[in-house]
C-alpha atoms as a PDB file:
ATOM      1  CA  MET A   1      22.908  16.082  10.784  1.00  0.00           C
ATOM      2  CA  GLN A   2      26.511  15.009  11.280  1.00  0.00           C
ATOM      3  CA  ALA A   3      28.958  15.257   8.359  1.00  0.00           C
ATOM      4  CA  LYS A   4      29.430  11.494   7.901  1.00  0.00           C
ATOM      5  CA  ILE A   5      27.122   8.671   8.942  1.00  0.00           C
ATOM      6  CA  TYR A   6      28.894   5.360   9.559  1.00  0.00           C
ATOM      7  CA  ASN A   7      27.541   1.931   8.707  1.00  0.00           C
ATOM      8  CA  LEU A   8      26.620  -0.534  11.445  1.00  0.00           C
ATOM      9  CA  ASN A   9      25.874  -4.220  11.121  1.00  0.00           C
ATOM     10  CA  LEU A  10      25.185  -7.112  13.458  1.00  0.00           C
ATOM     11  CA  GLU A  11      28.791  -8.333  13.374  1.00  0.00           C
ATOM     12  CA  ILE A  12      30.100  -4.957  14.593  1.00  0.00           C
ATOM     13  CA  LEU A  13      27.509  -4.748  17.355  1.00  0.00           C
ATOM     14  CA  GLN A  14      28.229  -8.232  18.645  1.00  0.00           C
ATOM     15  CA  ASN A  15      31.581  -6.863  19.805  1.00  0.00           C
ATOM     16  CA  GLU A  16      30.189  -5.222  22.933  1.00  0.00           C
ATOM     17  CA  HIS A  17      33.653  -4.119  24.071  1.00  0.00           C
ATOM     18  CA  TYR A  18      33.914  -2.032  20.880  1.00  0.00           C
ATOM     19  CA  PHE A  19      30.488  -0.551  21.580  1.00  0.00           C
ATOM     20  CA  ASP A  20      31.372   0.320  25.183  1.00  0.00           C
ATOM     21  CA  ALA A  21      34.859   1.632  24.441  1.00  0.00           C
ATOM     22  CA  VAL A  22      34.322   3.385  21.123  1.00  0.00           C
ATOM     23  CA  ILE A  23      30.738   3.893  19.896  1.00  0.00           C
ATOM     24  CA  SER A  24      29.137   4.875  23.198  1.00  0.00           C
ATOM     25  CA  LYS A  25      32.013   7.248  24.002  1.00  0.00           C
ATOM     26  CA  ASP A  26      31.957   8.991  20.602  1.00  0.00           C
ATOM     27  CA  MET A  27      30.089  12.235  21.282  1.00  0.00           C
ATOM     28  CA  SER A  28      30.652  13.552  17.750  1.00  0.00           C
ATOM     29  CA  ASN A  29      28.365  10.921  16.213  1.00  0.00           C
ATOM     30  CA  ASN A  30      24.837   9.901  17.059  1.00  0.00           C
ATOM     31  CA  TYR A  31      23.380   8.669  13.735  1.00  0.00           C
ATOM     32  CA  TYR A  32      24.407   5.476  11.945  1.00  0.00           C
ATOM     33  CA  TRP A  33      22.910   3.549   9.026  1.00  0.00           C
ATOM     34  CA  SER A  34      22.334  -0.010   7.888  1.00  0.00           C
ATOM     35  CA  ASP A  35      20.719  -1.719   4.912  1.00  0.00           C
ATOM     36  CA  GLU A  36      20.070  -4.834   7.014  1.00  0.00           C
ATOM     37  CA  TRP A  37      16.351  -5.096   7.692  1.00  0.00           C
ATOM     38  CA  SER A  38      16.611  -8.013  10.105  1.00  0.00           C
ATOM     39  CA  GLU A  39      14.786  -8.526  13.374  1.00  0.00           C
ATOM     40  CA  GLU A  40      18.057  -9.594  15.025  1.00  0.00           C
ATOM     41  CA  LEU A  41      19.818  -6.336  14.151  1.00  0.00           C
ATOM     42  CA  TYR A  42      16.879  -4.164  15.243  1.00  0.00           C
ATOM     43  CA  ILE A  43      16.644  -5.930  18.606  1.00  0.00           C
ATOM     44  CA  LYS A  44      20.396  -5.740  19.172  1.00  0.00           C
ATOM     45  CA  LEU A  45      20.365  -2.009  18.430  1.00  0.00           C
ATOM     46  CA  ALA A  46      17.439  -1.463  20.780  1.00  0.00           C
ATOM     47  CA  LYS A  47      19.112  -3.359  23.602  1.00  0.00           C
ATOM     48  CA  LEU A  48      22.252  -1.245  23.228  1.00  0.00           C
ATOM     49  CA  GLY A  49      20.182   1.948  23.587  1.00  0.00           C
ATOM     50  CA  PHE A  50      19.791   2.966  19.943  1.00  0.00           C
ATOM     51  CA  ILE A  51      16.405   4.214  18.757  1.00  0.00           C
ATOM     52  CA  SER A  52      16.004   3.324  15.088  1.00  0.00           C
ATOM     53  CA  THR A  53      14.027   5.189  12.439  1.00  0.00           C
ATOM     54  CA  SER A  54      14.573   5.186   8.653  1.00  0.00           C
ATOM     55  CA  TYR A  55      15.976   7.473   5.965  1.00  0.00           C
ATOM     56  CA  ASP A  56      15.448   7.778   2.197  1.00  0.00           C
ATOM     57  CA  THR A  57      18.578   7.565   0.062  1.00  0.00           C
ATOM     58  CA  LYS A  58      19.103   7.392  -3.702  1.00  0.00           C
ATOM     59  CA  GLU A  59      19.616   3.635  -3.307  1.00  0.00           C
ATOM     60  CA  GLY A  60      16.449   3.206  -1.251  1.00  0.00           C
ATOM     61  CA  LEU A  61      15.291   3.263   2.354  1.00  0.00           C
ATOM     62  CA  VAL A  62      17.893   2.498   5.025  1.00  0.00           C
ATOM     63  CA  LEU A  63      17.634   1.900   8.743  1.00  0.00           C
ATOM     64  CA  LEU A  64      18.775   4.947  10.728  1.00  0.00           C
ATOM     65  CA  PRO A  65      19.773   3.906  14.264  1.00  0.00           C
ATOM     66  CA  GLU A  66      20.505   6.773  16.632  1.00  0.00           C
ATOM     67  CA  LEU A  67      22.485   6.574  19.845  1.00  0.00           C
ATOM     68  CA  GLN A  68      21.152   9.851  21.122  1.00  0.00           C
ATOM     69  CA  PHE A  69      23.215  12.494  22.856  1.00  0.00           C
ATOM     70  CA  GLU A  70      20.256  13.042  25.214  1.00  0.00           C
ATOM     71  CA  TYR A  71      17.178  11.027  26.216  1.00  0.00           C
ATOM     72  CA  SER A  72      13.863  12.050  27.710  1.00  0.00           C
ATOM     73  CA  ILE A  73      13.084   9.803  30.698  1.00  0.00           C
ATOM     74  CA  LEU A  74       9.935   9.648  32.784  1.00  0.00           C
ATOM     75  CA  ASP A  75      10.211   8.355  36.337  1.00  0.00           C
ATOM     76  CA  PHE A  76       6.630   7.670  37.342  1.00  0.00           C
ATOM     77  CA  PRO A  77       6.565   9.593  40.651  1.00  0.00           C
ATOM     78  CA  HIS A  78       7.281  12.716  38.552  1.00  0.00           C
ATOM     79  CA  LEU A  79       4.233  12.245  36.306  1.00  0.00           C
ATOM     80  CA  HIS A  80       2.303  15.495  35.922  1.00  0.00           C
ATOM     81  CA  ILE A  81      -1.422  15.356  35.124  1.00  0.00           C
ATOM     82  CA  SER A  82      -3.164  18.521  33.942  1.00  0.00           C
ATOM     83  CA  LYS A  83      -6.588  19.558  35.246  1.00  0.00           C
ATOM     84  CA  LYS A  84      -8.175  18.758  31.870  1.00  0.00           C
ATOM     85  CA  VAL A  85      -6.794  15.230  31.874  1.00  0.00           C
ATOM     86  CA  LYS A  86      -7.758  14.708  35.526  1.00  0.00           C
ATOM     87  CA  LYS A  87     -11.320  15.568  34.514  1.00  0.00           C
ATOM     88  CA  MET A  88     -11.178  13.063  31.658  1.00  0.00           C
ATOM     89  CA  LEU A  89      -9.868  10.392  34.021  1.00  0.00           C
ATOM     90  CA  ALA A  90     -12.729  11.026  36.437  1.00  0.00           C
ATOM     91  CA  GLN A  91     -15.302  10.708  33.640  1.00  0.00           C
ATOM     92  CA  LYS A  92     -13.952   7.275  32.649  1.00  0.00           C
ATOM     93  CA  SER A  93     -15.009   7.840  29.044  1.00  0.00           C
ATOM     94  CA  TYR A  94     -11.977   6.105  27.545  1.00  0.00           C
ATOM     95  CA  LYS A  95     -10.260   2.736  27.912  1.00  0.00           C
ATOM     96  CA  LEU A  96      -6.629   1.775  27.332  1.00  0.00           C
ATOM     97  CA  THR A  97      -5.762  -1.533  25.681  1.00  0.00           C
ATOM     98  CA  PHE A  98      -2.588  -3.235  24.465  1.00  0.00           C
ATOM     99  CA  ASN A  99      -1.934  -5.225  21.287  1.00  0.00           C
ATOM    100  CA  THR A 100      -5.617  -5.421  20.320  1.00  0.00           C
ATOM    101  CA  ALA A 101      -5.529  -3.079  17.292  1.00  0.00           C
ATOM    102  CA  PHE A 102      -1.945  -3.149  16.065  1.00  0.00           C
ATOM    103  CA  GLU A 103      -2.752  -2.745  12.370  1.00  0.00           C
ATOM    104  CA  ASP A 104      -5.273   0.010  13.069  1.00  0.00           C
ATOM    105  CA  VAL A 105      -2.677   1.952  15.058  1.00  0.00           C
ATOM    106  CA  ILE A 106      -0.162   1.594  12.226  1.00  0.00           C
ATOM    107  CA  GLU A 107      -2.729   2.851   9.704  1.00  0.00           C
ATOM    108  CA  LYS A 108      -3.661   5.831  11.873  1.00  0.00           C
ATOM    109  CA  ILE A 109       0.003   6.774  12.340  1.00  0.00           C
ATOM    110  CA  ALA A 110       0.591   6.573   8.584  1.00  0.00           C
ATOM    111  CA  GLU A 111      -2.489   8.728   7.900  1.00  0.00           C
ATOM    112  CA  GLN A 112      -1.529  11.405  10.414  1.00  0.00           C
ATOM    113  CA  HIS A 113       2.198  11.533   9.698  1.00  0.00           C
ATOM    114  CA  LYS A 114       2.500  11.413   5.942  1.00  0.00           C
ATOM    115  CA  ASP A 115       5.991  11.335   4.359  1.00  0.00           C
ATOM    116  CA  ASN A 116       7.760  10.449   7.583  1.00  0.00           C
ATOM    117  CA  TRP A 117      10.146   7.621   8.538  1.00  0.00           C
ATOM    118  CA  PHE A 118       7.465   5.125   9.591  1.00  0.00           C
ATOM    119  CA  LYS A 119       6.926   3.411   6.211  1.00  0.00           C
ATOM    120  CA  ASP A 120       7.814   0.670   3.717  1.00  0.00           C
ATOM    121  CA  GLU A 121      10.591  -1.696   4.901  1.00  0.00           C
ATOM    122  CA  TYR A 122      10.551  -0.156   8.370  1.00  0.00           C
ATOM    123  CA  MET A 123       6.829  -0.776   8.785  1.00  0.00           C
ATOM    124  CA  GLU A 124       7.185  -4.358   7.567  1.00  0.00           C
ATOM    125  CA  LEU A 125      10.012  -4.945  10.045  1.00  0.00           C
ATOM    126  CA  ILE A 126       7.824  -3.617  12.872  1.00  0.00           C
ATOM    127  CA  ARG A 127       5.105  -6.065  11.842  1.00  0.00           C
ATOM    128  CA  LYS A 128       7.565  -8.972  11.960  1.00  0.00           C
ATOM    129  CA  LEU A 129       8.843  -7.871  15.357  1.00  0.00           C
ATOM    130  CA  PHE A 130       5.280  -7.632  16.670  1.00  0.00           C
ATOM    131  CA  GLU A 131       4.739 -11.284  15.738  1.00  0.00           C
ATOM    132  CA  LYS A 132       8.125 -12.300  17.173  1.00  0.00           C
ATOM    133  CA  LYS A 133       7.479 -11.781  20.859  1.00  0.00           C
ATOM    134  CA  SER A 134      10.094 -13.064  23.299  1.00  0.00           C
ATOM    135  CA  ASP A 135      10.977 -12.826  26.974  1.00  0.00           C
ATOM    136  CA  THR A 136      13.613 -10.177  26.258  1.00  0.00           C
ATOM    137  CA  PHE A 137      12.007  -7.962  23.572  1.00  0.00           C
ATOM    138  CA  GLU A 138       8.382  -7.174  22.794  1.00  0.00           C
ATOM    139  CA  MET A 139       7.062  -4.790  20.154  1.00  0.00           C
ATOM    140  CA  MET A 140       3.757  -3.353  21.382  1.00  0.00           C
ATOM    141  CA  SER A 141       0.797  -1.299  20.301  1.00  0.00           C
ATOM    142  CA  VAL A 142      -0.998   0.921  22.812  1.00  0.00           C
ATOM    143  CA  GLU A 143      -4.598   1.904  22.044  1.00  0.00           C
ATOM    144  CA  LEU A 144      -7.036   4.390  23.532  1.00  0.00           C
ATOM    145  CA  PHE A 145     -10.697   3.800  22.688  1.00  0.00           C
ATOM    146  CA  SER A 146     -13.782   5.887  23.359  1.00  0.00           C
ATOM    147  CA  SER A 147     -15.890   3.822  25.761  1.00  0.00           C
ATOM    148  CA  GLN A 148     -19.096   5.191  24.233  1.00  0.00           C
ATOM    149  CA  THR A 149     -18.398   4.584  20.534  1.00  0.00           C
ATOM    150  CA  ASP A 150     -15.533   2.060  20.702  1.00  0.00           C
ATOM    151  CA  THR A 151     -13.611   4.381  18.360  1.00  0.00           C
ATOM    152  CA  LEU A 152      -9.818   4.317  18.339  1.00  0.00           C
ATOM    153  CA  VAL A 153      -8.832   7.898  19.212  1.00  0.00           C
ATOM    154  CA  ALA A 154      -5.136   7.668  20.151  1.00  0.00           C
ATOM    155  CA  GLY A 155      -2.343   5.151  20.167  1.00  0.00           C
ATOM    156  CA  GLU A 156       1.331   4.436  19.719  1.00  0.00           C
ATOM    157  CA  ILE A 157       3.906   1.830  18.815  1.00  0.00           C
ATOM    158  CA  GLY A 158       6.774   1.072  21.177  1.00  0.00           C
ATOM    159  CA  TYR A 159       8.769  -1.758  22.672  1.00  0.00           C
ATOM    160  CA  LYS A 160       9.441  -3.378  26.025  1.00  0.00           C
ATOM    161  CA  ILE A 161      12.900  -4.586  27.035  1.00  0.00           C
ATOM    162  CA  GLY A 162      13.318  -5.849  30.586  1.00  0.00           C
ATOM    163  CA  LYS A 163      11.753  -3.270  32.871  1.00  0.00           C
ATOM    164  CA  THR A 164      11.853  -0.440  30.306  1.00  0.00           C
ATOM    165  CA  TYR A 165       9.371   0.796  27.740  1.00  0.00           C
ATOM    166  CA  THR A 166      10.411   2.932  24.738  1.00  0.00           C
ATOM    167  CA  SER A 167       7.981   4.978  22.623  1.00  0.00           C
ATOM    168  CA  LEU A 168       8.548   5.094  18.861  1.00  0.00           C
ATOM    169  CA  THR A 169       5.670   7.025  17.292  1.00  0.00           C
ATOM    170  CA  GLY A 170       1.955   7.598  17.754  1.00  0.00           C
ATOM    171  CA  PHE A 171      -1.171   9.488  16.776  1.00  0.00           C
ATOM    172  CA  SER A 172      -4.147  11.195  18.380  1.00  0.00           C
ATOM    173  CA  SER A 173      -7.554  12.275  17.106  1.00  0.00           C
ATOM    174  CA  ARG A 174      -7.892  15.808  15.811  1.00  0.00           C
ATOM    175  CA  GLU A 175     -11.639  15.831  16.426  1.00  0.00           C
ATOM    176  CA  LYS A 176     -12.845  18.420  18.939  1.00  0.00           C
ATOM    177  CA  GLU A 177     -14.766  15.878  21.007  1.00  0.00           C
ATOM    178  CA  HIS A 178     -11.579  13.922  21.611  1.00  0.00           C
ATOM    179  CA  ARG A 179      -9.323  16.864  22.398  1.00  0.00           C
ATOM    180  CA  ASN A 180      -6.493  15.907  24.790  1.00  0.00           C
ATOM    181  CA  SER A 181      -6.995  12.194  24.036  1.00  0.00           C
ATOM    182  CA  GLY A 182      -3.312  11.899  23.130  1.00  0.00           C
ATOM    183  CA  THR A 183      -2.247  13.261  26.513  1.00  0.00           C
ATOM    184  CA  LEU A 184      -4.758  11.022  28.257  1.00  0.00           C
ATOM    185  CA  GLN A 185      -3.277   8.011  26.476  1.00  0.00           C
ATOM    186  CA  LEU A 186       0.180   8.974  27.740  1.00  0.00           C
ATOM    187  CA  VAL A 187      -1.023   9.393  31.322  1.00  0.00           C
ATOM    188  CA  LEU A 188      -2.887   6.078  31.319  1.00  0.00           C
ATOM    189  CA  LEU A 189       0.159   4.365  29.838  1.00  0.00           C
ATOM    190  CA  ALA A 190       2.349   5.853  32.581  1.00  0.00           C
ATOM    191  CA  HIS A 191      -0.088   4.517  35.204  1.00  0.00           C
ATOM    192  CA  TYR A 192       0.056   1.069  33.625  1.00  0.00           C
ATOM    193  CA  LEU A 193       3.866   1.016  33.449  1.00  0.00           C
ATOM    194  CA  GLU A 194       4.139   2.103  37.081  1.00  0.00           C
ATOM    195  CA  ALA A 195       1.638  -0.556  38.200  1.00  0.00           C
ATOM    196  CA  GLU A 196       3.657  -3.182  36.313  1.00  0.00           C
ATOM    197  CA  ASN A 197       6.854  -2.086  38.107  1.00  0.00           C
ATOM    198  CA  PHE A 198       8.668  -0.748  35.059  1.00  0.00           C
ATOM    199  CA  SER A 199      11.868   1.081  35.975  1.00  0.00           C
ATOM    200  CA  PHE A 200      11.231   4.049  33.671  1.00  0.00           C
ATOM    201  CA  TRP A 201       9.785   5.146  30.353  1.00  0.00           C
ATOM    202  CA  ASN A 202      12.147   6.113  27.529  1.00  0.00           C
ATOM    203  CA  LEU A 203      10.476   8.866  25.507  1.00  0.00           C
ATOM    204  CA  GLY A 204      13.373   9.409  23.105  1.00  0.00           C
ATOM    205  CA  HIS A 205      14.342  12.928  22.078  1.00  0.00           C
ATOM    206  CA  PRO A 206      13.850  15.478  24.878  1.00  0.00           C
ATOM    207  CA  HIS A 207      13.118  18.448  22.644  1.00  0.00           C
ATOM    208  CA  MET A 208       9.316  18.126  22.415  1.00  0.00           C
ATOM    209  CA  GLU A 209       7.512  20.255  24.955  1.00  0.00           C
ATOM    210  CA  TYR A 210       4.778  17.715  25.758  1.00  0.00           C
ATOM    211  CA  LYS A 211       7.385  15.385  27.288  1.00  0.00           C
ATOM    212  CA  LYS A 212       8.503  18.067  29.717  1.00  0.00           C
ATOM    213  CA  ARG A 213       4.878  18.834  30.575  1.00  0.00           C
ATOM    214  CA  LEU A 214       4.369  15.145  31.307  1.00  0.00           C
ATOM    215  CA  GLY A 215       7.192  15.284  33.861  1.00  0.00           C
ATOM    216  CA  ALA A 216      10.057  13.752  31.906  1.00  0.00           C
ATOM    217  CA  VAL A 217      13.637  14.876  32.508  1.00  0.00           C
ATOM    218  CA  THR A 218      16.685  14.865  30.225  1.00  0.00           C
ATOM    219  CA  TYR A 219      19.518  12.380  30.633  1.00  0.00           C
ATOM    220  CA  GLU A 220      22.819  12.708  28.818  1.00  0.00           C
ATOM    221  CA  ARG A 221      23.948   9.594  26.953  1.00  0.00           C
ATOM    222  CA  GLU A 222      26.388   8.219  29.524  1.00  0.00           C
ATOM    223  CA  LYS A 223      24.003   8.552  32.440  1.00  0.00           C
ATOM    224  CA  PHE A 224      21.144   7.135  30.373  1.00  0.00           C
ATOM    225  CA  LEU A 225      23.133   4.067  29.300  1.00  0.00           C
ATOM    226  CA  GLN A 226      24.078   3.337  32.908  1.00  0.00           C
ATOM    227  CA  ARG A 227      20.408   3.223  33.912  1.00  0.00           C
ATOM    228  CA  TRP A 228      19.361   1.523  30.697  1.00  0.00           C
ATOM    229  CA  GLN A 229      21.778  -1.401  30.892  1.00  0.00           C
ATOM    230  CA  LYS A 230      20.719  -2.145  34.451  1.00  0.00           C
ATOM    231  CA  ALA A 231      16.970  -1.903  33.796  1.00  0.00           C
ATOM    232  CA  ILE A 232      16.850  -4.006  30.626  1.00  0.00           C
ATOM    233  CA  SER A 233      18.350  -6.962  32.497  1.00  0.00           C
ATOM    234  CA  LEU A 234      15.482  -7.007  35.027  1.00  0.00           C
ATOM    235  CA  ASN A 235      12.515  -9.351  34.675  1.00  0.00           C
END
């Protein structure tokens, strides 16, 4: 992590000239912090291209917005579907839903990823944002259910801004009978986003191999922000 992490607040971010001229151009810093747990700040950060997690300090949990150096982006024509997932699609044994099991998805994520950033004040903020839907920002849950047992086997939390969707975190079943359910959820979500005319899918950090296997490519910050700012203004 960088040597010094600078504080951000809503007042600073409302000066979009400062963001464009200074923050976005600063390639020595990607992480920032804030002790403001407000919906307004989170949404403003998201619209500027930050992806926010959290971090434990001696004084308590703080918001950890990151303006990444690189982003993993999926353009839907580049989606790659493995033979195993194609077989699962043909069997039609699973169904994808949205915003029907938000709390269940949160619980499953917390169970599977213990001691991570998705907790406490951050989780409560996500809950508030989920209730505060608007035309310009929507926190979402994505759920994959077994059609036979109606069991929740994979899911994620993310948000929609304009014609973009950004993934935050998710889970998938570790049971043998539901192997590859996490990948299936991703593929079905990509199909949905394409059908709804989304511009692209922001998968965050590019370093995880599954994103490359899915067909995502890496964008450096400047190129990403150019696409991002255009796409989030679309309806």
